[in-house]
N, C-alpha and C. Protein backbone atom coordinates (compact mmCIF):
# COMPACT_ATOMS: atom_id res chain seq x y z
N UNK A 1 0.81 -1.19 0.00
CA UNK A 1 0.00 0.00 0.00
C UNK A 1 0.87 1.26 0.00
N UNK A 2 2.02 1.17 0.62
CA UNK A 2 2.91 2.33 0.66
C UNK A 2 3.41 2.66 -0.75
N UNK A 3 3.56 1.63 -1.57
CA UNK A 3 4.03 1.86 -2.95
C UNK A 3 2.99 2.66 -3.73
N UNK A 4 1.73 2.34 -3.53
CA UNK A 4 0.66 3.07 -4.22
C UNK A 4 0.65 4.53 -3.80
N UNK A 5 0.83 4.78 -2.51
CA UNK A 5 0.86 6.16 -2.03
C UNK A 5 2.06 6.92 -2.59
N UNK A 6 3.21 6.26 -2.64
CA UNK A 6 4.39 6.92 -3.20
C UNK A 6 4.20 7.23 -4.68
N UNK A 7 3.59 6.30 -5.41
CA UNK A 7 3.32 6.54 -6.83
C UNK A 7 2.35 7.70 -7.03
N UNK A 8 1.37 7.82 -6.14
CA UNK A 8 0.43 8.95 -6.23
C UNK A 8 1.14 10.27 -5.97
N UNK A 9 2.06 10.29 -5.02
CA UNK A 9 2.81 11.51 -4.75
C UNK A 9 3.69 11.87 -5.94
N UNK A 10 4.35 10.88 -6.52
CA UNK A 10 5.19 11.12 -7.70
C UNK A 10 4.33 11.64 -8.86
N UNK A 11 3.17 11.05 -9.05
CA UNK A 11 2.26 11.50 -10.10
C UNK A 11 1.83 12.95 -9.87
N UNK A 12 1.52 13.29 -8.65
CA UNK A 12 1.13 14.66 -8.32
C UNK A 12 2.26 15.64 -8.60
N UNK A 13 3.48 15.26 -8.24
CA UNK A 13 4.64 16.13 -8.50
C UNK A 13 4.85 16.32 -10.00
N UNK A 14 4.71 15.26 -10.77
CA UNK A 14 4.89 15.35 -12.22
C UNK A 14 3.82 16.24 -12.83
N UNK A 15 2.58 16.07 -12.40
CA UNK A 15 1.48 16.87 -12.94
C UNK A 15 1.69 18.36 -12.63
N UNK A 16 2.06 18.67 -11.41
CA UNK A 16 2.28 20.07 -11.03
C UNK A 16 3.47 20.65 -11.80
N UNK A 17 4.53 19.87 -11.94
CA UNK A 17 5.71 20.36 -12.65
C UNK A 17 5.38 20.63 -14.13
N UNK A 18 4.65 19.73 -14.76
CA UNK A 18 4.30 19.95 -16.17
C UNK A 18 3.34 21.13 -16.32
N UNK A 19 2.40 21.27 -15.39
CA UNK A 19 1.47 22.40 -15.47
C UNK A 19 2.21 23.73 -15.29
N UNK A 20 3.13 23.77 -14.35
CA UNK A 20 3.91 25.00 -14.15
C UNK A 20 4.81 25.30 -15.35
N UNK A 21 5.41 24.25 -15.91
CA UNK A 21 6.26 24.46 -17.09
C UNK A 21 5.43 25.02 -18.25
N UNK A 22 4.21 24.52 -18.40
CA UNK A 22 3.35 25.04 -19.46
C UNK A 22 2.95 26.49 -19.18
N UNK A 23 2.62 26.78 -17.91
CA UNK A 23 2.21 28.15 -17.58
C UNK A 23 3.34 29.15 -17.79
N UNK A 24 4.56 28.77 -17.44
CA UNK A 24 5.67 29.70 -17.55
C UNK A 24 6.18 29.86 -18.99
N UNK A 25 6.17 28.77 -19.76
CA UNK A 25 6.73 28.85 -21.11
C UNK A 25 5.67 29.05 -22.18
N UNK A 26 4.46 28.56 -21.95
CA UNK A 26 3.43 28.64 -22.97
C UNK A 26 3.59 27.60 -24.05
N UNK A 27 4.57 26.70 -23.89
CA UNK A 27 4.83 25.66 -24.86
C UNK A 27 3.81 24.54 -24.68
N UNK A 28 3.05 24.26 -25.74
CA UNK A 28 1.99 23.26 -25.66
C UNK A 28 2.52 21.83 -25.56
N UNK A 29 3.81 21.65 -25.76
CA UNK A 29 4.43 20.32 -25.61
C UNK A 29 4.20 19.80 -24.20
N UNK A 30 4.31 20.69 -23.21
CA UNK A 30 4.12 20.28 -21.82
C UNK A 30 2.67 19.90 -21.55
N UNK A 31 1.75 20.59 -22.20
CA UNK A 31 0.34 20.29 -22.02
C UNK A 31 -0.01 18.93 -22.62
N UNK A 32 0.56 18.62 -23.78
CA UNK A 32 0.35 17.30 -24.39
C UNK A 32 0.92 16.20 -23.52
N UNK A 33 2.11 16.42 -22.98
CA UNK A 33 2.73 15.44 -22.10
C UNK A 33 1.90 15.26 -20.84
N UNK A 34 1.36 16.34 -20.31
CA UNK A 34 0.50 16.26 -19.13
C UNK A 34 -0.73 15.41 -19.43
N UNK A 35 -1.32 15.59 -20.58
CA UNK A 35 -2.48 14.78 -20.97
C UNK A 35 -2.13 13.32 -21.07
N UNK A 36 -0.98 13.02 -21.65
CA UNK A 36 -0.56 11.62 -21.76
C UNK A 36 -0.31 10.99 -20.39
N UNK A 37 0.32 11.76 -19.51
CA UNK A 37 0.61 11.25 -18.16
C UNK A 37 -0.70 10.97 -17.43
N UNK A 38 -1.65 11.91 -17.51
CA UNK A 38 -2.93 11.70 -16.84
C UNK A 38 -3.70 10.53 -17.42
N UNK A 39 -3.70 10.40 -18.74
CA UNK A 39 -4.38 9.28 -19.38
C UNK A 39 -3.76 7.95 -18.95
N UNK A 40 -2.44 7.89 -18.93
CA UNK A 40 -1.74 6.68 -18.50
C UNK A 40 -2.07 6.36 -17.05
N UNK A 41 -2.09 7.38 -16.19
CA UNK A 41 -2.39 7.18 -14.77
C UNK A 41 -3.81 6.65 -14.58
N UNK A 42 -4.76 7.16 -15.36
CA UNK A 42 -6.13 6.69 -15.25
C UNK A 42 -6.25 5.24 -15.68
N UNK A 43 -5.59 4.88 -16.77
CA UNK A 43 -5.64 3.49 -17.25
C UNK A 43 -4.99 2.55 -16.24
N UNK A 44 -3.83 2.92 -15.71
CA UNK A 44 -3.15 2.08 -14.73
C UNK A 44 -3.99 1.97 -13.46
N UNK A 45 -4.59 3.06 -13.03
CA UNK A 45 -5.45 3.02 -11.85
C UNK A 45 -6.66 2.13 -12.05
N UNK A 46 -7.26 2.19 -13.24
CA UNK A 46 -8.41 1.34 -13.54
C UNK A 46 -8.03 -0.13 -13.55
N UNK A 47 -6.89 -0.44 -14.15
CA UNK A 47 -6.42 -1.83 -14.18
C UNK A 47 -6.11 -2.32 -12.77
N UNK A 48 -5.48 -1.49 -11.95
CA UNK A 48 -5.17 -1.87 -10.58
C UNK A 48 -6.46 -2.10 -9.79
N UNK A 49 -7.45 -1.27 -9.98
CA UNK A 49 -8.73 -1.45 -9.30
C UNK A 49 -9.39 -2.76 -9.72
N UNK A 50 -9.32 -3.07 -11.00
CA UNK A 50 -9.88 -4.34 -11.47
C UNK A 50 -9.15 -5.53 -10.86
N UNK A 51 -7.84 -5.44 -10.75
CA UNK A 51 -7.06 -6.52 -10.13
C UNK A 51 -7.47 -6.70 -8.68
N UNK A 52 -7.65 -5.61 -7.95
CA UNK A 52 -8.08 -5.71 -6.55
C UNK A 52 -9.47 -6.33 -6.43
N UNK A 53 -10.38 -5.96 -7.33
CA UNK A 53 -11.73 -6.52 -7.30
C UNK A 53 -11.70 -8.01 -7.61
N UNK A 54 -10.94 -8.40 -8.62
CA UNK A 54 -10.85 -9.82 -8.98
C UNK A 54 -10.19 -10.60 -7.85
N UNK A 55 -9.19 -10.02 -7.22
CA UNK A 55 -8.54 -10.67 -6.10
C UNK A 55 -9.53 -10.91 -4.96
N UNK A 56 -10.34 -9.92 -4.66
CA UNK A 56 -11.35 -10.07 -3.60
C UNK A 56 -12.35 -11.16 -3.95
N UNK A 57 -12.77 -11.21 -5.22
CA UNK A 57 -13.76 -12.21 -5.62
C UNK A 57 -13.17 -13.62 -5.59
N UNK A 58 -11.93 -13.76 -5.98
CA UNK A 58 -11.29 -15.07 -6.02
C UNK A 58 -11.00 -15.58 -4.61
N UNK A 59 -10.58 -14.70 -3.71
CA UNK A 59 -10.22 -15.12 -2.37
C UNK A 59 -11.42 -15.26 -1.42
N UNK A 60 -12.59 -15.02 -1.89
CA UNK A 60 -13.78 -15.15 -1.05
C UNK A 60 -14.06 -16.53 -0.61
């Protein structure tokens, strides 16, 4: 569980850093990268949630 929390903190740091880089430079490259990071995080989170649900159902 600690690994998940650390990954969430790292994700938050990356998102804030990319958002600030976009705000300061105006370069849309950072905004595209931010979108990709968020999309990847949502997919990984959804897959992890499905694994936890399947694990609960199997171990019942």
